Amino acid sequence: MDSSGELRRDLKDIAVSFRMVQAVAPLLIRWHGTGRIHGLIQEEAMDRQLILLPQYRINALFDARCSLSERDIPLARGRGILIQTGEQEFFLTGDNVAEEIVSRPGPEEDYSYRWLSCSLSSQLNYLTVEEGHFEGEKWVVDFLRNGDEAISGVYARNGETVRIRLNPRMGAQGKVGKRP
């Protein structure tokens, strides 16, 4: 703390990191050691990090600015924690990070190179994207994001936490299939 009782400016990034861990503590305890927890760290000159899961290809995009007016504001390095809690459910907490979740083609898929090279051809439809927090082990929704707030990646800034639920009816290459 500084002399006025405020958090020192040089420690604000550390405080955000602690806020992130605290925000998803129930999930970290429950999913520890399962391979479902993924740390996201922006290293020097990195603009993205790739996470390959059996069903998904996830691009963690660093520099999660939402508008051109924010482009002149310097940002801390992006970081976050992504936790898969179900087949179509993820929690993301972080700072200056956004996620694009893309369905991975199987080896038998036609045009798999084109499918992988264009995220919009296989980006999954979100059922819901919720900002919120945990009260004990219960998830509480504070704000429901709309489609415009998720179309170019689901972002987390300043230690906020979001729950991402994918549309279970979205099948291969974004085609709507039968209900599971």
C-alpha atoms as a PDB file:
ATOM      1  CA  MET A   1       0.000   0.000   0.000  1.00  0.00           C
ATOM      2  CA  ASP A   2       1.164   3.537  -0.579  1.00  0.00           C
ATOM      3  CA  SER A   3       1.143   6.321   2.007  1.00  0.00           C
ATOM      4  CA  SER A   4      -2.520   7.140   1.242  1.00  0.00           C
ATOM      5  CA  GLY A   5      -3.634   3.528   1.788  1.00  0.00           C
ATOM      6  CA  GLU A   6      -4.116   2.758  -1.918  1.00  0.00           C
ATOM      7  CA  LEU A   7      -2.617  -0.199  -3.741  1.00  0.00           C
ATOM      8  CA  ARG A   8       0.726   0.769  -5.232  1.00  0.00           C
ATOM      9  CA  ARG A   9       0.533   1.260  -9.003  1.00  0.00           C
ATOM     10  CA  ASP A  10       3.477  -1.123  -9.611  1.00  0.00           C
ATOM     11  CA  LEU A  11       1.571  -3.951  -7.858  1.00  0.00           C
ATOM     12  CA  LYS A  12      -1.784  -3.663  -9.641  1.00  0.00           C
ATOM     13  CA  ASP A  13      -0.948  -6.448 -12.125  1.00  0.00           C
ATOM     14  CA  ILE A  14      -0.101  -8.791  -9.260  1.00  0.00           C
ATOM     15  CA  ALA A  15      -3.396  -7.920  -7.555  1.00  0.00           C
ATOM     16  CA  VAL A  16      -5.279  -8.789 -10.766  1.00  0.00           C
ATOM     17  CA  SER A  17      -3.494 -12.164 -10.915  1.00  0.00           C
ATOM     18  CA  PHE A  18      -4.536 -12.931  -7.332  1.00  0.00           C
ATOM     19  CA  ARG A  19      -8.104 -11.857  -8.169  1.00  0.00           C
ATOM     20  CA  MET A  20      -8.110 -14.316 -11.092  1.00  0.00           C
ATOM     21  CA  VAL A  21      -7.028 -17.245  -8.913  1.00  0.00           C
ATOM     22  CA  GLN A  22      -9.540 -16.326  -6.223  1.00  0.00           C
ATOM     23  CA  ALA A  23     -12.326 -15.994  -8.813  1.00  0.00           C
ATOM     24  CA  VAL A  24     -12.023 -19.612  -9.972  1.00  0.00           C
ATOM     25  CA  ALA A  25     -10.754 -21.209  -6.747  1.00  0.00           C
ATOM     26  CA  PRO A  26     -13.683 -23.698  -6.528  1.00  0.00           C
ATOM     27  CA  LEU A  27     -12.911 -24.882 -10.063  1.00  0.00           C
ATOM     28  CA  LEU A  28      -9.165 -25.107  -9.457  1.00  0.00           C
ATOM     29  CA  ILE A  29      -9.798 -27.351  -6.460  1.00  0.00           C
ATOM     30  CA  ARG A  30     -12.363 -29.525  -8.246  1.00  0.00           C
ATOM     31  CA  TRP A  31     -10.504 -29.952 -11.568  1.00  0.00           C
ATOM     32  CA  HIS A  32      -6.905 -30.070 -10.241  1.00  0.00           C
ATOM     33  CA  GLY A  33      -4.863 -32.828 -11.895  1.00  0.00           C
ATOM     34  CA  THR A  34      -7.437 -33.623 -14.597  1.00  0.00           C
ATOM     35  CA  GLY A  35      -5.753 -31.891 -17.544  1.00  0.00           C
ATOM     36  CA  ARG A  36      -8.747 -29.535 -17.885  1.00  0.00           C
ATOM     37  CA  ILE A  37      -6.983 -26.458 -16.498  1.00  0.00           C
ATOM     38  CA  HIS A  38      -4.912 -24.417 -18.952  1.00  0.00           C
ATOM     39  CA  GLY A  39      -2.668 -21.509 -18.028  1.00  0.00           C
ATOM     40  CA  LEU A  40      -2.427 -18.682 -20.537  1.00  0.00           C
ATOM     41  CA  ILE A  41       0.689 -16.531 -20.528  1.00  0.00           C
ATOM     42  CA  GLN A  42       1.688 -13.905 -23.077  1.00  0.00           C
ATOM     43  CA  GLU A  43       5.423 -14.073 -23.546  1.00  0.00           C
ATOM     44  CA  GLU A  44       7.575 -11.491 -25.310  1.00  0.00           C
ATOM     45  CA  ALA A  45       6.193 -10.558 -28.769  1.00  0.00           C
ATOM     46  CA  MET A  46       3.414 -13.168 -28.559  1.00  0.00           C
ATOM     47  CA  ASP A  47      -0.026 -12.298 -29.844  1.00  0.00           C
ATOM     48  CA  ARG A  48      -1.697 -15.691 -29.337  1.00  0.00           C
ATOM     49  CA  GLN A  49      -1.378 -19.094 -27.691  1.00  0.00           C
ATOM     50  CA  LEU A  50      -2.803 -22.311 -29.123  1.00  0.00           C
ATOM     51  CA  ILE A  51      -4.443 -24.972 -26.954  1.00  0.00           C
ATOM     52  CA  LEU A  52      -5.282 -28.244 -28.684  1.00  0.00           C
ATOM     53  CA  LEU A  53      -7.980 -30.356 -27.071  1.00  0.00           C
ATOM     54  CA  PRO A  54      -9.444 -33.556 -28.525  1.00  0.00           C
ATOM     55  CA  GLN A  55     -12.596 -31.776 -29.793  1.00  0.00           C
ATOM     56  CA  TYR A  56     -11.446 -28.162 -29.927  1.00  0.00           C
ATOM     57  CA  ARG A  57      -8.715 -25.865 -31.116  1.00  0.00           C
ATOM     58  CA  ILE A  58      -8.597 -22.847 -28.823  1.00  0.00           C
ATOM     59  CA  ASN A  59      -6.797 -19.648 -29.729  1.00  0.00           C
ATOM     60  CA  ALA A  60      -5.980 -17.453 -26.754  1.00  0.00           C
ATOM     61  CA  LEU A  61      -5.667 -13.983 -28.229  1.00  0.00           C
ATOM     62  CA  PHE A  62      -3.736 -11.442 -26.232  1.00  0.00           C
ATOM     63  CA  ASP A  63      -4.558  -7.727 -26.338  1.00  0.00           C
ATOM     64  CA  ALA A  64      -8.295  -7.945 -25.709  1.00  0.00           C
ATOM     65  CA  ARG A  65      -9.263  -4.392 -26.578  1.00  0.00           C
ATOM     66  CA  CYS A  66     -12.862  -3.975 -27.557  1.00  0.00           C
ATOM     67  CA  SER A  67     -12.722  -0.770 -29.551  1.00  0.00           C
ATOM     68  CA  LEU A  68     -10.394   1.317 -31.672  1.00  0.00           C
ATOM     69  CA  SER A  69     -10.548   4.113 -29.098  1.00  0.00           C
ATOM     70  CA  GLU A  70      -8.696   1.817 -26.673  1.00  0.00           C
ATOM     71  CA  ARG A  71      -5.768   1.196 -29.072  1.00  0.00           C
ATOM     72  CA  ASP A  72      -3.594   3.948 -27.574  1.00  0.00           C
ATOM     73  CA  ILE A  73      -3.823   2.584 -24.032  1.00  0.00           C
ATOM     74  CA  PRO A  74      -0.816   0.424 -23.090  1.00  0.00           C
ATOM     75  CA  LEU A  75      -1.802  -2.967 -21.683  1.00  0.00           C
ATOM     76  CA  ALA A  76      -0.165  -5.375 -19.278  1.00  0.00           C
ATOM     77  CA  ARG A  77       0.825  -8.723 -20.747  1.00  0.00           C
ATOM     78  CA  GLY A  78      -2.152 -10.995 -21.267  1.00  0.00           C
ATOM     79  CA  ARG A  79      -2.689 -13.896 -18.932  1.00  0.00           C
ATOM     80  CA  GLY A  80      -5.496 -16.119 -17.840  1.00  0.00           C
ATOM     81  CA  ILE A  81      -6.823 -19.466 -16.751  1.00  0.00           C
ATOM     82  CA  LEU A  82      -9.132 -21.551 -18.933  1.00  0.00           C
ATOM     83  CA  ILE A  83     -10.965 -24.469 -17.334  1.00  0.00           C
ATOM     84  CA  GLN A  84     -13.075 -26.985 -19.238  1.00  0.00           C
ATOM     85  CA  THR A  85     -15.839 -28.124 -16.873  1.00  0.00           C
ATOM     86  CA  GLY A  86     -17.972 -30.049 -19.350  1.00  0.00           C
ATOM     87  CA  GLU A  87     -18.004 -31.205 -22.940  1.00  0.00           C
ATOM     88  CA  GLN A  88     -19.361 -27.815 -24.049  1.00  0.00           C
ATOM     89  CA  GLU A  89     -18.605 -25.640 -21.013  1.00  0.00           C
ATOM     90  CA  PHE A  90     -15.561 -23.517 -20.192  1.00  0.00           C
ATOM     91  CA  PHE A  91     -14.688 -20.874 -17.617  1.00  0.00           C
ATOM     92  CA  LEU A  92     -12.201 -18.143 -18.468  1.00  0.00           C
ATOM     93  CA  THR A  93     -10.662 -15.670 -16.075  1.00  0.00           C
ATOM     94  CA  GLY A  94      -7.931 -13.317 -17.117  1.00  0.00           C
ATOM     95  CA  ASP A  95      -6.582  -9.980 -18.112  1.00  0.00           C
ATOM     96  CA  ASN A  96      -6.117  -8.852 -21.719  1.00  0.00           C
ATOM     97  CA  VAL A  97      -7.014 -12.223 -23.166  1.00  0.00           C
ATOM     98  CA  ALA A  98      -9.771 -13.483 -25.468  1.00  0.00           C
ATOM     99  CA  GLU A  99     -10.674 -17.019 -26.551  1.00  0.00           C
ATOM    100  CA  GLU A 100     -11.773 -18.340 -29.921  1.00  0.00           C
ATOM    101  CA  ILE A 101     -13.060 -21.893 -29.580  1.00  0.00           C
ATOM    102  CA  VAL A 102     -13.038 -23.749 -32.867  1.00  0.00           C
ATOM    103  CA  SER A 103     -14.178 -27.305 -33.555  1.00  0.00           C
ATOM    104  CA  ARG A 104     -11.285 -29.546 -34.663  1.00  0.00           C
ATOM    105  CA  PRO A 105     -11.752 -31.517 -37.854  1.00  0.00           C
ATOM    106  CA  GLY A 106     -11.328 -35.242 -37.749  1.00  0.00           C
ATOM    107  CA  PRO A 107      -8.827 -36.901 -40.087  1.00  0.00           C
ATOM    108  CA  GLU A 108     -11.679 -37.990 -42.362  1.00  0.00           C
ATOM    109  CA  GLU A 109     -13.074 -34.458 -42.804  1.00  0.00           C
ATOM    110  CA  ASP A 110     -13.144 -32.934 -46.283  1.00  0.00           C
ATOM    111  CA  TYR A 111     -11.228 -29.681 -46.732  1.00  0.00           C
ATOM    112  CA  SER A 112      -9.613 -29.834 -43.289  1.00  0.00           C
ATOM    113  CA  TYR A 113      -6.875 -27.323 -44.239  1.00  0.00           C
ATOM    114  CA  ARG A 114      -9.433 -24.730 -45.333  1.00  0.00           C
ATOM    115  CA  TRP A 115     -11.460 -25.505 -42.217  1.00  0.00           C
ATOM    116  CA  LEU A 116      -8.473 -24.905 -39.914  1.00  0.00           C
ATOM    117  CA  SER A 117      -7.227 -21.826 -41.758  1.00  0.00           C
ATOM    118  CA  CYS A 118     -10.487 -19.891 -41.454  1.00  0.00           C
ATOM    119  CA  SER A 119     -11.797 -19.666 -37.911  1.00  0.00           C
ATOM    120  CA  LEU A 120     -15.202 -18.393 -39.031  1.00  0.00           C
ATOM    121  CA  SER A 121     -15.827 -21.594 -40.970  1.00  0.00           C
ATOM    122  CA  SER A 122     -15.711 -23.666 -37.793  1.00  0.00           C
ATOM    123  CA  GLN A 123     -16.104 -21.216 -34.902  1.00  0.00           C
ATOM    124  CA  LEU A 124     -18.664 -22.651 -32.563  1.00  0.00           C
ATOM    125  CA  ASN A 125     -21.925 -20.971 -31.786  1.00  0.00           C
ATOM    126  CA  TYR A 126     -22.182 -19.887 -28.171  1.00  0.00           C
ATOM    127  CA  LEU A 127     -25.274 -20.915 -26.288  1.00  0.00           C
ATOM    128  CA  THR A 128     -24.471 -18.407 -23.528  1.00  0.00           C
ATOM    129  CA  VAL A 129     -21.566 -16.228 -22.414  1.00  0.00           C
ATOM    130  CA  GLU A 130     -22.041 -15.103 -18.825  1.00  0.00           C
ATOM    131  CA  GLU A 131     -19.986 -12.747 -16.680  1.00  0.00           C
ATOM    132  CA  GLY A 132     -20.230 -13.691 -13.050  1.00  0.00           C
ATOM    133  CA  HIS A 133     -18.668 -14.930  -9.858  1.00  0.00           C
ATOM    134  CA  PHE A 134     -18.783 -17.835  -7.437  1.00  0.00           C
ATOM    135  CA  GLU A 135     -20.521 -17.724  -4.083  1.00  0.00           C
ATOM    136  CA  GLY A 136     -19.058 -20.801  -2.481  1.00  0.00           C
ATOM    137  CA  GLU A 137     -19.357 -23.385  -5.241  1.00  0.00           C
ATOM    138  CA  LYS A 138     -22.432 -21.792  -6.843  1.00  0.00           C
ATOM    139  CA  TRP A 139     -21.986 -19.781 -10.058  1.00  0.00           C
ATOM    140  CA  VAL A 140     -23.857 -16.457  -9.983  1.00  0.00           C
ATOM    141  CA  VAL A 141     -24.508 -14.607 -13.255  1.00  0.00           C
ATOM    142  CA  ASP A 142     -23.907 -10.863 -13.086  1.00  0.00           C
ATOM    143  CA  PHE A 143     -24.278 -10.069 -16.799  1.00  0.00           C
ATOM    144  CA  LEU A 144     -25.286 -12.024 -19.897  1.00  0.00           C
ATOM    145  CA  ARG A 145     -23.230 -11.007 -22.932  1.00  0.00           C
ATOM    146  CA  ASN A 146     -24.896 -10.711 -26.311  1.00  0.00           C
ATOM    147  CA  GLY A 147     -23.670 -12.087 -29.636  1.00  0.00           C
ATOM    148  CA  ASP A 148     -21.725  -8.957 -30.585  1.00  0.00           C
ATOM    149  CA  GLU A 149     -19.655  -9.372 -27.423  1.00  0.00           C
ATOM    150  CA  ALA A 150     -18.597 -12.891 -28.390  1.00  0.00           C
ATOM    151  CA  ILE A 151     -18.284 -12.970 -32.187  1.00  0.00           C
ATOM    152  CA  SER A 152     -14.569 -12.169 -32.294  1.00  0.00           C
ATOM    153  CA  GLY A 153     -13.562 -14.085 -29.197  1.00  0.00           C
ATOM    154  CA  VAL A 154     -14.782 -14.170 -25.628  1.00  0.00           C
ATOM    155  CA  TYR A 155     -12.641 -11.721 -23.678  1.00  0.00           C
ATOM    156  CA  ALA A 156     -11.654 -11.383 -20.024  1.00  0.00           C
ATOM    157  CA  ARG A 157     -10.085  -8.219 -18.684  1.00  0.00           C
ATOM    158  CA  ASN A 158      -8.999  -7.023 -15.273  1.00  0.00           C
ATOM    159  CA  GLY A 159      -9.563 -10.404 -13.618  1.00  0.00           C
ATOM    160  CA  GLU A 160     -13.190 -10.870 -14.657  1.00  0.00           C
ATOM    161  CA  THR A 161     -14.578 -14.375 -15.052  1.00  0.00           C
ATOM    162  CA  VAL A 162     -16.836 -15.641 -17.829  1.00  0.00           C
ATOM    163  CA  ARG A 163     -18.668 -18.909 -18.314  1.00  0.00           C
ATOM    164  CA  ILE A 164     -18.798 -20.058 -21.932  1.00  0.00           C
ATOM    165  CA  ARG A 165     -21.386 -22.617 -22.934  1.00  0.00           C
ATOM    166  CA  LEU A 166     -21.242 -23.857 -26.506  1.00  0.00           C
ATOM    167  CA  ASN A 167     -24.355 -24.732 -28.452  1.00  0.00           C
ATOM    168  CA  PRO A 168     -24.634 -28.542 -28.152  1.00  0.00           C
ATOM    169  CA  ARG A 169     -26.468 -28.645 -31.498  1.00  0.00           C
ATOM    170  CA  MET A 170     -23.447 -27.304 -33.399  1.00  0.00           C
ATOM    171  CA  GLY A 171     -21.773 -30.188 -35.144  1.00  0.00           C
ATOM    172  CA  ALA A 172     -18.816 -30.460 -37.475  1.00  0.00           C
ATOM    173  CA  GLN A 173     -18.038 -27.351 -39.498  1.00  0.00           C
ATOM    174  CA  GLY A 174     -20.665 -25.344 -37.622  1.00  0.00           C
ATOM    175  CA  LYS A 175     -23.614 -27.232 -39.107  1.00  0.00           C
ATOM    176  CA  VAL A 176     -26.616 -27.524 -36.827  1.00  0.00           C
ATOM    177  CA  GLY A 177     -27.253 -31.150 -36.022  1.00  0.00           C
ATOM    178  CA  LYS A 178     -29.687 -33.107 -33.931  1.00  0.00           C
ATOM    179  CA  ARG A 179     -29.932 -32.490 -30.211  1.00  0.00           C
ATOM    180  CA  PRO A 180     -27.523 -34.676 -28.227  1.00  0.00           C
END
